[in-house]
């Protein structure tokens, strides 16, 4: 669990600079381009159609990865906040037990 917290902290701290969203969009675009290029070339389409399909797929995949990244980071933030609230409640409970 300790490793997950480090990854979450790195991702969430770099989010402020927009690095994660740019990386997600670039990754999606490259993946979409490569998959469409391979499928279109494998089906025997001419290169102009193959390139058109690859570019369109890069655009769509980039947008999808960006959307998925936003949802992922939002849920990561929510989970981190819930962990912080549980830790705070636990600390408050311990403090109230000490005072009694």
Foldseek 3Di string as FASTA:
>chain_A
DVVVVVVLVVVVVCVVVVPQLVVQLQVQLVVQLVVLLVVCVVVPHDPVVSNVNSNVRSNVRSVVSSVVSVVVNVVSVVVVVVVVVVVVVVVVVVVVVVVD
